[in-house]
Protein backbone atom coordinates (compact mmCIF):
# COMPACT_ATOMS: atom_id res chain seq x y z
CA MET A 1 -110.57 82.37 22.69
CA SER A 2 -112.65 83.91 20.12
CA ALA A 3 -112.23 82.07 16.57
CA ASP A 4 -110.72 85.17 14.97
CA LYS A 5 -108.00 85.92 17.68
CA LYS A 6 -104.89 83.96 16.41
CA PRO A 7 -102.48 82.59 19.30
CA GLU A 8 -99.50 84.85 20.05
CA ILE A 9 -96.22 84.13 21.30
CA ILE A 10 -94.63 85.78 24.70
CA ARG A 11 -90.99 85.67 25.31
CA SER A 12 -90.63 86.83 28.51
CA TRP A 13 -93.40 87.13 31.42
CA MET A 14 -92.36 89.28 34.32
CA PHE A 15 -94.09 88.95 37.83
CA VAL A 16 -95.02 92.28 39.40
CA PRO A 17 -96.40 92.19 42.80
CA GLY A 18 -100.33 93.54 42.65
CA ASP A 19 -99.85 95.46 45.70
CA SER A 20 -96.73 97.55 44.85
CA GLU A 21 -97.23 100.60 43.15
CA ARG A 22 -93.04 101.40 42.96
CA LYS A 23 -92.93 98.02 40.85
CA GLN A 24 -95.96 98.86 39.14
CA VAL A 25 -94.70 102.14 37.82
CA LYS A 26 -91.34 100.36 36.66
CA GLY A 27 -93.34 97.56 34.74
CA PRO A 28 -94.23 99.47 31.44
CA GLN A 29 -90.78 100.51 31.40
CA ASN A 30 -89.27 96.87 31.39
CA PRO A 31 -88.74 94.80 28.04
CA ALA A 32 -90.63 92.06 29.20
CA ASP A 33 -93.30 90.75 26.27
CA ALA A 34 -96.24 90.62 29.44
CA LEU A 35 -96.44 91.67 32.85
CA ILE A 36 -98.01 89.13 35.31
CA LEU A 37 -99.75 91.24 37.99
CA ASP A 38 -99.38 88.87 41.02
CA LEU A 39 -102.32 88.55 43.68
CA GLU A 40 -101.06 85.21 45.01
CA ASP A 41 -97.82 84.58 46.57
CA SER A 42 -96.10 88.19 46.63
CA VAL A 43 -99.53 89.49 48.51
CA SER A 44 -100.22 88.84 52.02
CA ASP A 45 -103.63 88.09 53.15
CA ASP A 46 -104.22 91.28 54.87
CA ARG A 47 -103.39 93.27 51.54
CA GLN A 48 -105.64 91.42 49.21
CA ASP A 49 -108.20 93.85 48.86
CA ILE A 50 -105.37 96.69 48.11
CA ALA A 51 -103.86 94.44 45.45
CA ARG A 52 -107.21 93.80 43.78
CA GLU A 53 -108.09 97.46 43.87
CA MET A 54 -104.26 98.79 42.46
CA THR A 55 -104.31 95.80 39.55
CA GLN A 56 -107.49 97.12 38.38
CA GLU A 57 -106.37 100.65 38.27
CA PHE A 58 -103.46 99.50 37.13
CA LEU A 59 -105.28 97.76 33.86
CA LYS A 60 -107.30 100.37 33.11
CA SER A 61 -104.86 102.80 32.96
CA HIS A 62 -102.65 101.09 30.69
CA THR A 63 -105.13 99.99 27.87
CA ASP A 64 -102.42 99.76 24.84
CA ARG A 65 -101.25 96.39 24.89
CA GLU A 66 -99.61 96.15 21.71
CA ARG A 67 -95.89 95.99 23.08
CA GLN A 68 -96.94 94.73 26.31
CA ARG A 69 -99.58 92.13 27.40
CA LEU A 70 -101.06 92.20 30.96
CA TYR A 71 -101.90 89.05 32.61
CA VAL A 72 -103.02 88.32 36.35
CA ARG A 73 -101.94 85.89 38.46
CA ILE A 74 -105.30 85.18 40.45
CA ASN A 75 -105.25 82.83 43.72
CA PRO A 76 -105.81 79.23 43.64
CA LEU A 77 -109.41 78.07 42.48
CA ASP A 78 -110.03 76.13 45.78
CA THR A 79 -109.36 78.88 47.85
CA PRO A 80 -112.21 81.59 48.73
CA LEU A 81 -109.72 84.28 47.22
CA SER A 82 -110.07 83.46 43.48
CA LEU A 83 -113.66 84.75 42.68
CA PRO A 84 -113.20 88.12 44.24
CA ASP A 85 -109.72 88.37 42.64
CA LEU A 86 -111.31 87.57 39.32
CA ALA A 87 -114.67 89.88 40.13
CA ALA A 88 -112.11 93.05 40.85
CA VAL A 89 -109.62 92.82 37.91
CA MET A 90 -112.08 92.04 35.03
CA PRO A 91 -113.20 95.46 34.71
CA GLY A 92 -109.68 96.43 33.51
CA ALA A 93 -110.00 93.89 31.13
CA PRO A 94 -106.79 91.88 31.41
CA ASP A 95 -105.32 90.09 28.59
CA GLY A 96 -105.25 86.77 30.40
CA ILE A 97 -105.27 85.08 33.72
CA VAL A 98 -102.54 83.03 35.15
CA LEU A 99 -103.98 80.01 37.02
CA PRO A 100 -101.52 78.50 39.89
CA LYS A 101 -102.19 75.39 41.67
CA VAL A 102 -103.74 73.55 39.18
CA TYR A 103 -104.92 69.90 39.78
CA SER A 104 -106.25 69.10 36.16
CA ALA A 105 -108.03 70.54 33.16
CA VAL A 106 -111.23 70.87 35.15
CA ASP A 107 -109.62 73.70 36.73
CA VAL A 108 -108.68 75.35 33.33
CA ASN A 109 -112.63 74.89 32.38
CA THR A 110 -114.14 75.97 35.67
CA LEU A 111 -112.06 79.35 35.00
CA SER A 112 -113.21 79.37 31.62
CA THR A 113 -116.44 79.24 32.56
CA MET A 114 -116.32 82.03 35.28
CA LEU A 115 -114.59 84.23 32.63
CA ASP A 116 -117.84 83.38 30.02
CA ILE A 117 -119.95 85.10 32.79
CA LEU A 118 -117.52 88.13 33.56
CA GLU A 119 -116.77 88.96 30.18
CA VAL A 120 -120.37 89.47 29.65
CA ARG A 121 -120.90 91.34 32.78
CA GLU A 122 -118.07 93.87 31.67
CA GLY A 123 -118.66 93.92 27.83
CA ILE A 124 -115.51 92.09 26.66
CA GLU A 125 -115.49 90.06 23.79
CA ALA A 126 -116.42 86.76 24.34
CA GLY A 127 -113.60 84.31 24.65
CA SER A 128 -110.97 86.70 24.69
CA THR A 129 -109.62 86.69 28.00
CA ARG A 130 -106.80 83.90 27.65
CA ILE A 131 -105.66 81.24 30.27
CA CYS A 132 -102.00 80.55 31.33
CA CYS A 133 -101.67 77.78 33.04
CA VAL A 134 -99.27 76.68 35.99
CA ALA A 135 -99.58 73.19 35.33
CA THR A 136 -97.28 71.48 38.09
CA GLU A 137 -97.76 72.91 41.22
CA THR A 138 -99.63 70.28 42.91
CA ALA A 139 -98.92 66.35 43.39
CA ALA A 140 -102.26 65.29 41.76
CA SER A 141 -101.19 67.23 38.78
CA LEU A 142 -98.44 65.07 37.58
CA THR A 143 -100.95 62.24 37.23
CA THR A 144 -103.77 64.36 35.10
CA PHE A 145 -102.06 65.88 32.30
CA HIS A 146 -104.13 63.19 30.39
CA THR A 147 -107.30 65.43 31.04
CA TYR A 148 -105.89 68.15 28.65
CA LEU A 149 -106.28 66.28 25.45
CA ASP A 150 -109.77 66.09 25.66
CA ASN A 151 -112.44 69.22 25.43
CA VAL A 152 -110.17 71.60 27.40
CA SER A 153 -110.89 75.45 26.75
CA PRO A 154 -109.63 77.14 23.75
CA ARG A 155 -108.87 80.08 25.99
CA LEU A 156 -105.74 77.66 27.46
CA SER A 157 -102.73 79.64 25.22
CA ALA A 158 -100.02 78.97 27.37
CA LEU A 159 -98.56 76.19 29.89
CA THR A 160 -95.80 76.69 32.70
CA TRP A 161 -94.67 74.30 35.52
CA GLY A 162 -93.68 75.14 38.69
CA GLY A 163 -90.64 73.51 40.10
CA GLU A 164 -90.64 75.34 43.68
CA ASP A 165 -94.23 74.70 44.91
CA LEU A 166 -94.01 71.39 43.40
CA SER A 167 -91.44 70.69 45.79
CA ALA A 168 -93.28 71.42 48.82
CA ALA A 169 -96.22 69.62 47.55
CA LEU A 170 -94.18 66.59 47.07
CA GLY A 171 -92.30 67.04 50.31
CA ALA A 172 -89.03 67.53 48.79
CA SER A 173 -86.32 69.53 50.48
CA THR A 174 -84.83 70.61 46.90
CA ASN A 175 -85.36 70.23 43.42
CA ARG A 176 -82.22 69.69 42.24
CA HIS A 177 -80.08 66.79 41.94
CA PRO A 178 -77.08 67.25 44.96
CA LYS A 179 -74.07 66.13 42.28
CA THR A 180 -75.06 67.13 38.97
CA GLY A 181 -77.44 70.26 40.06
CA GLU A 182 -80.02 69.15 37.11
CA TYR A 183 -83.71 68.87 38.29
CA ASP A 184 -84.31 65.72 39.97
CA ALA A 185 -86.63 62.98 38.47
CA PRO A 186 -90.20 64.23 39.59
CA PHE A 187 -89.22 67.92 38.39
CA GLN A 188 -87.66 66.60 34.93
CA LEU A 189 -90.88 64.63 35.00
CA ALA A 190 -93.08 67.80 35.14
CA ARG A 191 -90.94 69.35 32.84
CA THR A 192 -91.93 66.80 30.00
CA LEU A 193 -95.28 66.34 30.45
CA CYS A 194 -95.86 70.09 30.55
CA LEU A 195 -93.80 70.46 27.50
CA SER A 196 -95.68 67.57 25.08
CA THR A 197 -99.08 68.07 26.40
CA ALA A 198 -98.68 72.13 25.55
CA ARG A 199 -97.38 70.95 22.17
CA ALA A 200 -100.16 68.27 21.84
CA ILE A 201 -102.86 70.92 22.35
CA GLY A 202 -101.22 73.76 20.36
CA ALA A 203 -100.54 75.92 23.53
CA GLN A 204 -97.33 77.66 24.36
CA PRO A 205 -94.89 75.67 26.41
CA VAL A 206 -93.41 78.01 28.68
CA GLY A 207 -90.03 77.49 30.55
CA VAL A 208 -89.82 77.44 34.47
CA VAL A 209 -88.48 80.20 36.69
CA TYR A 210 -84.97 80.66 37.15
CA PRO A 211 -84.52 81.54 41.19
CA ASP A 212 -81.13 83.01 41.33
CA PHE A 213 -82.31 86.22 39.69
CA ARG A 214 -78.44 87.57 40.20
CA ASP A 215 -76.87 84.55 38.02
CA LEU A 216 -77.64 85.92 34.52
CA ASP A 217 -75.26 83.74 32.71
CA GLY A 218 -76.96 80.51 34.30
CA LEU A 219 -80.48 82.04 33.19
CA ARG A 220 -79.13 82.21 29.46
CA ASP A 221 -77.81 78.79 29.44
CA GLU A 222 -81.27 77.76 30.81
CA CYS A 223 -83.24 79.57 28.46
CA LEU A 224 -81.33 78.10 25.68
CA TYR A 225 -81.76 74.54 27.12
CA ASP A 226 -85.31 75.30 27.11
CA LEU A 227 -85.18 76.53 23.64
CA ARG A 228 -83.40 73.50 22.21
CA SER A 229 -86.18 71.19 24.29
CA GLY A 230 -88.86 72.93 22.57
CA PHE A 231 -90.02 75.50 24.92
CA ILE A 232 -90.72 79.10 23.97
CA GLY A 233 -90.30 81.89 26.41
CA LYS A 234 -89.74 81.88 30.33
CA ILE A 235 -91.10 83.80 33.37
CA ALA A 236 -89.05 86.01 35.16
CA ILE A 237 -89.05 87.12 38.89
CA HIS A 238 -86.52 89.93 38.58
CA PRO A 239 -86.62 93.25 35.92
CA ALA A 240 -83.01 92.29 34.89
CA GLN A 241 -84.32 88.70 33.72
CA SER A 242 -86.30 89.90 31.03
CA GLU A 243 -83.52 91.33 28.40
CA VAL A 244 -81.72 87.91 28.87
CA ILE A 245 -84.97 86.00 28.08
CA ASN A 246 -85.98 88.12 25.32
CA ASP A 247 -82.71 87.66 23.79
CA ALA A 248 -82.57 84.12 24.07
CA PHE A 249 -85.65 83.23 22.54
CA THR A 250 -85.08 85.78 19.60
CA PRO A 251 -83.74 84.22 16.60
CA THR A 252 -80.23 85.10 15.08
CA ALA A 253 -79.88 86.80 11.66
CA GLU A 254 -78.36 83.17 10.77
CA ASP A 255 -81.44 81.22 12.23
CA ILE A 256 -83.62 83.40 10.32
CA ALA A 257 -81.72 83.31 6.69
CA HIS A 258 -81.72 79.66 7.51
CA ALA A 259 -85.10 79.15 8.08
CA GLN A 260 -86.57 81.29 5.09
CA ARG A 261 -84.46 78.87 2.92
CA VAL A 262 -86.19 76.00 3.98
CA VAL A 263 -89.29 77.68 3.44
CA ASP A 264 -88.47 78.73 0.38
CA VAL A 265 -87.29 75.21 -0.65
CA PHE A 266 -90.65 73.77 0.22
CA GLU A 267 -92.62 76.58 -1.60
CA GLN A 268 -90.79 75.92 -4.65
CA ASN A 269 -91.53 72.24 -4.49
CA PRO A 270 -95.01 72.40 -3.67
CA GLY A 271 -96.48 68.55 -3.20
CA LEU A 272 -93.46 67.12 -1.89
CA GLY A 273 -93.19 65.75 1.52
CA THR A 274 -89.62 65.84 1.43
CA VAL A 275 -87.03 67.77 -0.29
CA GLY A 276 -83.20 68.16 -0.41
CA MET A 277 -81.16 71.13 0.83
CA ASP A 278 -77.02 71.50 1.29
CA GLY A 279 -77.00 67.71 1.14
CA MET A 280 -79.53 67.28 3.52
CA MET A 281 -83.25 65.66 3.56
CA LEU A 282 -85.87 67.60 4.99
CA ASP A 283 -89.33 67.10 5.68
CA MET A 284 -92.18 68.65 7.30
CA PRO A 285 -91.03 68.89 11.00
CA HIS A 286 -88.11 70.72 9.55
CA LEU A 287 -90.84 73.13 7.81
CA LYS A 288 -92.70 73.32 10.86
CA GLN A 289 -89.53 74.52 12.80
CA ALA A 290 -88.41 76.68 10.17
CA ARG A 291 -91.86 78.50 10.30
CA ASN A 292 -91.95 78.58 14.15
CA VAL A 293 -88.29 80.68 14.06
CA LEU A 294 -89.85 83.07 11.37
CA ALA A 295 -92.86 83.62 13.85
CA MET A 296 -90.25 84.39 16.66
CA ALA A 297 -88.37 86.53 14.54
CA GLU A 298 -91.85 88.38 13.50
CA LEU A 299 -92.64 89.10 17.07
CA ALA A 300 -89.17 90.31 17.94
CA ALA A 301 -89.40 92.99 15.16
CA GLN A 302 -93.03 94.06 16.49
CA LYS A 303 -91.72 94.60 19.96
């Protein structure tokens, strides 16, 4: 991304089929921080051209993106559909592209090069189109996370992982443990690698979709689990999920007050790497986490 464009935090990302006028009309009314206009899984092969045209029109008619960002999920780069997807939607200047079925950071950099060219063609600010990478939908992806640690495109602003497509890629009949209901070992690995890699490169780690859209209590529990682990935000597959996700990733008044006290005590003791507060010793990780909480609170206030 451009040097003066600050990283941003998105709590809820909601999928909207690229060929559904009804769902596109309802999208801006949803509290999701970002819509993902989908040209991949939710669009059949015989409606690709229709979906591209509708998505471009939607982008062009929704230029005010302050409350809600607009991303587009294109088809995988190893298909002949991805370049036509990009050529069709870039005239609408999406805020970002969601890249599925990634094998390694090479795919991210390839997409970045394509965006370099298309931004010039459309007169869009160079480097301003972000990339959100769905980093674990192929078997090979679990062995290539190290490639993100060196010279990955600065457009890469978010990483999420894919439990459902990874199941198919691994030949698994389920991604959950039959007794505990927790993600099985390969999927816990994918989750951990996504989180650690995102944090290592300064990108936002985004929680995976929660498929049971009727179970809002289960969704909230998983959001809080993601939050405790270090993820920020989650992808929604149903309009009702966005509000639950936003609420889970919005700090409470108590959280904000504590975080502000932590920041204040460090500012009152400049030059110290460790300070005491309420009988506890705090160091730089505590300060960093406190600033993260305040940043999330600021985002919620803006929305």
